[in-house]
PDB file of N, CA and C in Angstrom:
ATOM      1  N   MET A   1     -23.253  14.418  28.736  1.00  0.00           N
ATOM      2  CA  MET A   1     -21.867  14.006  29.352  1.00  0.00           C
ATOM      3  C   MET A   1     -21.804  12.493  29.261  1.00  0.00           C
ATOM      4  N   PRO A   2     -20.491  12.059  28.595  1.00  0.00           N
ATOM      5  CA  PRO A   2     -20.484  10.454  28.561  1.00  0.00           C
ATOM      6  C   PRO A   2     -20.448   9.836  29.938  1.00  0.00           C
ATOM      7  N   GLU A   3     -20.861   8.661  29.963  1.00  0.00           N
ATOM      8  CA  GLU A   3     -20.962   8.086  31.237  1.00  0.00           C
ATOM      9  C   GLU A   3     -19.667   7.090  31.312  1.00  0.00           C
ATOM     10  N   SER A   4     -19.062   6.699  30.248  1.00  0.00           N
ATOM     11  CA  SER A   4     -17.917   5.865  30.260  1.00  0.00           C
ATOM     12  C   SER A   4     -16.944   6.328  29.265  1.00  0.00           C
ATOM     13  N   VAL A   5     -15.733   5.681  29.219  1.00  0.00           N
ATOM     14  CA  VAL A   5     -14.703   5.881  28.324  1.00  0.00           C
ATOM     15  C   VAL A   5     -15.254   5.538  26.726  1.00  0.00           C
ATOM     16  N   LEU A   6     -15.924   4.552  26.829  1.00  0.00           N
ATOM     17  CA  LEU A   6     -16.512   4.026  25.572  1.00  0.00           C
ATOM     18  C   LEU A   6     -17.443   5.092  24.961  1.00  0.00           C
ATOM     19  N   ASP A   7     -18.303   5.621  25.826  1.00  0.00           N
ATOM     20  CA  ASP A   7     -19.325   6.583  25.209  1.00  0.00           C
ATOM     21  C   ASP A   7     -18.395   7.904  24.805  1.00  0.00           C
ATOM     22  N   ALA A   8     -17.428   8.213  25.560  1.00  0.00           N
ATOM     23  CA  ALA A   8     -16.525   9.364  25.163  1.00  0.00           C
ATOM     24  C   ALA A   8     -15.836   9.220  23.797  1.00  0.00           C
ATOM     25  N   ILE A   9     -15.403   7.978  23.555  1.00  0.00           N
ATOM     26  CA  ILE A   9     -14.714   7.781  22.355  1.00  0.00           C
ATOM     27  C   ILE A   9     -15.777   7.874  21.279  1.00  0.00           C
ATOM     28  N   LYS A  10     -16.903   7.213  21.390  1.00  0.00           N
ATOM     29  CA  LYS A  10     -17.985   7.379  20.362  1.00  0.00           C
ATOM     30  C   LYS A  10     -18.351   8.826  20.095  1.00  0.00           C
ATOM     31  N   HIS A  11     -18.074   9.612  21.166  1.00  0.00           N
ATOM     32  CA  HIS A  11     -18.339  11.125  20.816  1.00  0.00           C
ATOM     33  C   HIS A  11     -17.375  12.072  20.398  1.00  0.00           C
ATOM     34  N   GLY A  12     -16.072  11.360  20.273  1.00  0.00           N
ATOM     35  CA  GLY A  12     -14.793  11.977  19.879  1.00  0.00           C
ATOM     36  C   GLY A  12     -14.366  12.792  21.170  1.00  0.00           C
ATOM     37  N   GLN A  13     -14.590  12.528  22.261  1.00  0.00           N
ATOM     38  CA  GLN A  13     -14.096  13.199  23.463  1.00  0.00           C
ATOM     39  C   GLN A  13     -12.903  12.458  23.958  1.00  0.00           C
ATOM     40  N   TRP A  14     -11.599  12.984  23.628  1.00  0.00           N
ATOM     41  CA  TRP A  14     -10.410  12.190  23.859  1.00  0.00           C
ATOM     42  C   TRP A  14      -9.811  12.392  25.160  1.00  0.00           C
ATOM     43  N   ASP A  15     -10.295  13.488  25.796  1.00  0.00           N
ATOM     44  CA  ASP A  15      -9.766  13.874  27.164  1.00  0.00           C
ATOM     45  C   ASP A  15     -10.610  13.438  28.339  1.00  0.00           C
ATOM     46  N   PHE A  16     -11.565  12.547  28.176  1.00  0.00           N
ATOM     47  CA  PHE A  16     -12.589  12.196  29.177  1.00  0.00           C
ATOM     48  C   PHE A  16     -11.866  11.511  30.215  1.00  0.00           C
ATOM     49  N   GLU A  17     -12.279  11.892  31.400  1.00  0.00           N
ATOM     50  CA  GLU A  17     -11.766  11.291  32.802  1.00  0.00           C
ATOM     51  C   GLU A  17     -12.963  10.848  33.571  1.00  0.00           C
ATOM     52  N   PRO A  18     -13.298   9.612  33.689  1.00  0.00           N
ATOM     53  CA  PRO A  18     -14.388   9.189  34.446  1.00  0.00           C
ATOM     54  C   PRO A  18     -14.344   9.683  36.045  1.00  0.00           C
ATOM     55  N   SER A  19     -15.547   9.791  36.467  1.00  0.00           N
ATOM     56  CA  SER A  19     -15.720  10.154  37.900  1.00  0.00           C
ATOM     57  C   SER A  19     -15.000   9.269  38.839  1.00  0.00           C
ATOM     58  N   GLU A  20     -14.468   9.924  39.993  1.00  0.00           N
ATOM     59  CA  GLU A  20     -13.766   8.920  40.838  1.00  0.00           C
ATOM     60  C   GLU A  20     -14.945   8.041  41.535  1.00  0.00           C
ATOM     61  N   VAL A  21     -14.565   6.854  41.704  1.00  0.00           N
ATOM     62  CA  VAL A  21     -15.396   5.798  42.330  1.00  0.00           C
ATOM     63  C   VAL A  21     -14.780   5.205  43.558  1.00  0.00           C
ATOM     64  N   ASP A  22     -15.320   5.096  44.690  1.00  0.00           N
ATOM     65  CA  ASP A  22     -14.702   4.457  45.871  1.00  0.00           C
ATOM     66  C   ASP A  22     -14.513   2.945  45.421  1.00  0.00           C
ATOM     67  N   GLN A  23     -13.289   2.470  45.877  1.00  0.00           N
ATOM     68  CA  GLN A  23     -13.066   1.038  45.696  1.00  0.00           C
ATOM     69  C   GLN A  23     -14.195   0.086  46.278  1.00  0.00           C
ATOM     70  N   GLU A  24     -14.985   0.629  47.224  1.00  0.00           N
ATOM     71  CA  GLU A  24     -15.884  -0.379  47.862  1.00  0.00           C
ATOM     72  C   GLU A  24     -17.060  -0.466  46.871  1.00  0.00           C
ATOM     73  N   GLU A  25     -17.280   0.385  45.786  1.00  0.00           N
ATOM     74  CA  GLU A  25     -18.411   0.384  44.898  1.00  0.00           C
ATOM     75  C   GLU A  25     -18.114  -0.698  43.763  1.00  0.00           C
ATOM     76  N   TYR A  26     -17.066  -1.203  43.687  1.00  0.00           N
ATOM     77  CA  TYR A  26     -16.827  -2.382  42.617  1.00  0.00           C
ATOM     78  C   TYR A  26     -15.876  -3.187  43.304  1.00  0.00           C
ATOM     79  N   ASN A  27     -15.915  -4.571  42.657  1.00  0.00           N
ATOM     80  CA  ASN A  27     -15.099  -5.635  43.162  1.00  0.00           C
ATOM     81  C   ASN A  27     -13.834  -5.709  42.614  1.00  0.00           C
ATOM     82  N   CYS A  28     -12.820  -6.275  43.214  1.00  0.00           N
ATOM     83  CA  CYS A  28     -11.454  -6.454  42.899  1.00  0.00           C
ATOM     84  C   CYS A  28     -11.607  -7.877  42.182  1.00  0.00           C
ATOM     85  N   THR A  29     -10.535  -8.198  41.422  1.00  0.00           N
ATOM     86  CA  THR A  29     -10.311  -9.592  40.893  1.00  0.00           C
ATOM     87  C   THR A  29      -9.194 -10.309  41.175  1.00  0.00           C
ATOM     88  N   ALA A  30      -9.121 -11.525  41.289  1.00  0.00           N
ATOM     89  CA  ALA A  30      -7.940 -12.379  41.474  1.00  0.00           C
ATOM     90  C   ALA A  30      -7.360 -12.841  40.151  1.00  0.00           C
ATOM     91  N   ALA A  31      -8.070 -12.533  39.104  1.00  0.00           N
ATOM     92  CA  ALA A  31      -7.694 -12.898  37.733  1.00  0.00           C
ATOM     93  C   ALA A  31      -6.113 -12.535  37.488  1.00  0.00           C
ATOM     94  N   LEU A  32      -5.440 -13.446  37.020  1.00  0.00           N
ATOM     95  CA  LEU A  32      -4.111 -13.107  36.702  1.00  0.00           C
ATOM     96  C   LEU A  32      -3.896 -12.119  35.349  1.00  0.00           C
ATOM     97  N   PRO A  33      -3.075 -11.118  35.630  1.00  0.00           N
ATOM     98  CA  PRO A  33      -2.791 -10.103  34.412  1.00  0.00           C
ATOM     99  C   PRO A  33      -2.578 -10.753  33.148  1.00  0.00           C
ATOM    100  N   GLY A  34      -3.333 -10.359  32.161  1.00  0.00           N
ATOM    101  CA  GLY A  34      -3.363 -10.895  30.703  1.00  0.00           C
ATOM    102  C   GLY A  34      -4.218 -11.995  30.434  1.00  0.00           C
ATOM    103  N   SER A  35      -4.764 -12.545  31.521  1.00  0.00           N
ATOM    104  CA  SER A  35      -5.716 -13.799  31.364  1.00  0.00           C
ATOM    105  C   SER A  35      -6.943 -13.240  30.739  1.00  0.00           C
ATOM    106  N   ASN A  36      -7.698 -14.197  30.103  1.00  0.00           N
ATOM    107  CA  ASN A  36      -8.954 -13.772  29.446  1.00  0.00           C
ATOM    108  C   ASN A  36     -10.079 -13.307  30.525  1.00  0.00           C
ATOM    109  N   GLU A  37      -9.982 -13.957  31.746  1.00  0.00           N
ATOM    110  CA  GLU A  37     -10.819 -13.503  32.846  1.00  0.00           C
ATOM    111  C   GLU A  37     -10.413 -12.087  33.356  1.00  0.00           C
ATOM    112  N   LYS A  38      -9.212 -11.702  33.322  1.00  0.00           N
ATOM    113  CA  LYS A  38      -8.860 -10.251  33.756  1.00  0.00           C
ATOM    114  C   LYS A  38      -9.342  -9.366  32.568  1.00  0.00           C
ATOM    115  N   ILE A  39      -9.172  -9.698  31.219  1.00  0.00           N
ATOM    116  CA  ILE A  39      -9.391  -8.840  30.185  1.00  0.00           C
ATOM    117  C   ILE A  39     -10.993  -8.634  30.243  1.00  0.00           C
ATOM    118  N   THR A  40     -11.725  -9.751  30.484  1.00  0.00           N
ATOM    119  CA  THR A  40     -13.205  -9.667  30.543  1.00  0.00           C
ATOM    120  C   THR A  40     -13.698  -8.695  31.639  1.00  0.00           C
ATOM    121  N   THR A  41     -13.040  -8.828  32.811  1.00  0.00           N
ATOM    122  CA  THR A  41     -13.272  -7.824  33.744  1.00  0.00           C
ATOM    123  C   THR A  41     -12.975  -6.483  33.553  1.00  0.00           C
ATOM    124  N   LEU A  42     -11.846  -6.177  32.953  1.00  0.00           N
ATOM    125  CA  LEU A  42     -11.572  -4.698  32.496  1.00  0.00           C
ATOM    126  C   LEU A  42     -12.467  -4.292  31.569  1.00  0.00           C
ATOM    127  N   ALA A  43     -12.961  -5.079  30.616  1.00  0.00           N
ATOM    128  CA  ALA A  43     -13.827  -4.737  29.601  1.00  0.00           C
ATOM    129  C   ALA A  43     -15.427  -4.356  30.227  1.00  0.00           C
ATOM    130  N   ALA A  44     -15.572  -5.148  31.214  1.00  0.00           N
ATOM    131  CA  ALA A  44     -16.955  -4.927  31.988  1.00  0.00           C
ATOM    132  C   ALA A  44     -16.864  -3.688  32.670  1.00  0.00           C
ATOM    133  N   ARG A  45     -15.713  -3.484  33.232  1.00  0.00           N
ATOM    134  CA  ARG A  45     -15.605  -2.160  34.190  1.00  0.00           C
ATOM    135  C   ARG A  45     -15.485  -0.877  33.154  1.00  0.00           C
ATOM    136  N   ALA A  46     -14.942  -0.920  32.048  1.00  0.00           N
ATOM    137  CA  ALA A  46     -14.874   0.080  31.035  1.00  0.00           C
ATOM    138  C   ALA A  46     -16.476   0.359  30.586  1.00  0.00           C
ATOM    139  N   GLU A  47     -17.163  -0.769  30.228  1.00  0.00           N
ATOM    140  CA  GLU A  47     -18.510  -0.609  29.959  1.00  0.00           C
ATOM    141  C   GLU A  47     -19.372   0.206  30.833  1.00  0.00           C
ATOM    142  N   GLU A  48     -19.183  -0.167  32.058  1.00  0.00           N
ATOM    143  CA  GLU A  48     -19.968   0.363  33.309  1.00  0.00           C
ATOM    144  C   GLU A  48     -19.368   1.712  33.746  1.00  0.00           C
ATOM    145  N   GLY A  49     -18.322   2.152  33.104  1.00  0.00           N
ATOM    146  CA  GLY A  49     -17.905   3.522  33.555  1.00  0.00           C
ATOM    147  C   GLY A  49     -17.180   3.518  34.810  1.00  0.00           C
ATOM    148  N   LEU A  50     -16.557   2.343  35.190  1.00  0.00           N
ATOM    149  CA  LEU A  50     -15.767   2.081  36.358  1.00  0.00           C
ATOM    150  C   LEU A  50     -14.272   2.384  36.000  1.00  0.00           C
ATOM    151  N   PRO A  51     -13.502   2.638  37.053  1.00  0.00           N
ATOM    152  CA  PRO A  51     -12.172   2.589  36.739  1.00  0.00           C
ATOM    153  C   PRO A  51     -11.625   1.197  36.339  1.00  0.00           C
ATOM    154  N   LEU A  52     -10.579   1.147  35.449  1.00  0.00           N
ATOM    155  CA  LEU A  52     -10.217  -0.211  35.105  1.00  0.00           C
ATOM    156  C   LEU A  52      -9.401  -0.845  36.265  1.00  0.00           C
ATOM    157  N   TRP A  53      -8.721  -0.286  37.020  1.00  0.00           N
ATOM    158  CA  TRP A  53      -7.918  -0.736  38.089  1.00  0.00           C
ATOM    159  C   TRP A  53      -8.395  -0.512  39.539  1.00  0.00           C
ATOM    160  N   HIS A  54      -8.591  -1.622  40.191  1.00  0.00           N
ATOM    161  CA  HIS A  54      -8.960  -1.727  41.593  1.00  0.00           C
ATOM    162  C   HIS A  54      -7.697  -1.775  42.488  1.00  0.00           C
ATOM    163  N   PRO A  55      -7.294  -1.099  43.469  1.00  0.00           N
ATOM    164  CA  PRO A  55      -6.211  -1.197  44.314  1.00  0.00           C
ATOM    165  C   PRO A  55      -6.044  -2.662  44.631  1.00  0.00           C
ATOM    166  N   ALA A  56      -6.869  -3.616  44.924  1.00  0.00           N
ATOM    167  CA  ALA A  56      -6.684  -4.832  45.283  1.00  0.00           C
ATOM    168  C   ALA A  56      -6.686  -5.825  44.234  1.00  0.00           C
ATOM    169  N   ASP A  57      -6.631  -5.461  43.003  1.00  0.00           N
ATOM    170  CA  ASP A  57      -6.574  -6.509  41.914  1.00  0.00           C
ATOM    171  C   ASP A  57      -5.227  -7.221  42.076  1.00  0.00           C
ATOM    172  N   ARG A  58      -5.331  -8.483  41.686  1.00  0.00           N
ATOM    173  CA  ARG A  58      -4.144  -9.044  41.515  1.00  0.00           C
ATOM    174  C   ARG A  58      -3.236  -8.551  40.466  1.00  0.00           C
ATOM    175  N   ARG A  59      -1.898  -8.492  40.902  1.00  0.00           N
ATOM    176  CA  ARG A  59      -0.932  -7.675  39.965  1.00  0.00           C
ATOM    177  C   ARG A  59       0.243  -8.529  39.351  1.00  0.00           C
ATOM    178  N   SER A  60       0.331  -9.753  39.924  1.00  0.00           N
ATOM    179  CA  SER A  60       1.313 -10.717  39.459  1.00  0.00           C
ATOM    180  C   SER A  60       0.929 -12.173  39.739  1.00  0.00           C
ATOM    181  N   PHE A  61       1.738 -13.163  39.162  1.00  0.00           N
ATOM    182  CA  PHE A  61       1.587 -14.462  39.436  1.00  0.00           C
ATOM    183  C   PHE A  61       1.736 -14.797  40.703  1.00  0.00           C
ATOM    184  N   ASP A  62       2.750 -14.227  41.390  1.00  0.00           N
ATOM    185  CA  ASP A  62       2.983 -14.386  42.914  1.00  0.00           C
ATOM    186  C   ASP A  62       2.466 -13.175  43.613  1.00  0.00           C
ATOM    187  N   ASP A  63       1.422 -13.163  43.962  1.00  0.00           N
ATOM    188  CA  ASP A  63       0.852 -11.970  44.724  1.00  0.00           C
ATOM    189  C   ASP A  63       1.016 -11.864  46.158  1.00  0.00           C
ATOM    190  N   SER A  64       2.088 -12.510  46.501  1.00  0.00           N
ATOM    191  CA  SER A  64       2.564 -12.397  48.074  1.00  0.00           C
ATOM    192  C   SER A  64       3.166 -11.077  48.333  1.00  0.00           C
ATOM    193  N   GLU A  65       3.451 -10.845  49.600  1.00  0.00           N
ATOM    194  CA  GLU A  65       4.048  -9.452  50.080  1.00  0.00           C
ATOM    195  C   GLU A  65       5.557  -9.668  49.375  1.00  0.00           C
ATOM    196  N   GLU A  66       6.126 -10.678  49.375  1.00  0.00           N
ATOM    197  CA  GLU A  66       7.510 -10.830  48.720  1.00  0.00           C
ATOM    198  C   GLU A  66       7.455 -10.260  47.465  1.00  0.00           C
ATOM    199  N   ALA A  67       6.545 -10.606  46.462  1.00  0.00           N
ATOM    200  CA  ALA A  67       6.483 -10.258  45.272  1.00  0.00           C
ATOM    201  C   ALA A  67       6.484  -8.713  45.007  1.00  0.00           C
ATOM    202  N   TYR A  68       6.369  -7.908  45.943  1.00  0.00           N
ATOM    203  CA  TYR A  68       6.491  -6.372  45.731  1.00  0.00           C
ATOM    204  C   TYR A  68       7.635  -5.753  46.492  1.00  0.00           C
ATOM    205  N   LYS A  69       8.608  -6.620  46.853  1.00  0.00           N
ATOM    206  CA  LYS A  69       9.912  -5.948  47.405  1.00  0.00           C
ATOM    207  C   LYS A  69      10.827  -5.769  46.359  1.00  0.00           C
TER     208      LYS A  69
END
């Protein structure tokens, strides 16, 4: 069984769904969306078999409460 989406792709398993991981098991990032830092973080998560998105990841330039209303 593949451990990450990258392993699944290598084996031609296109319907792979990673195991659920508690958000306490991996760190969020304050990197801006689209930045090299964010892309590096997402790549590292994919390689480690973690979910790409953490609920507390920064989602916009202005990540204040007002930005989501």
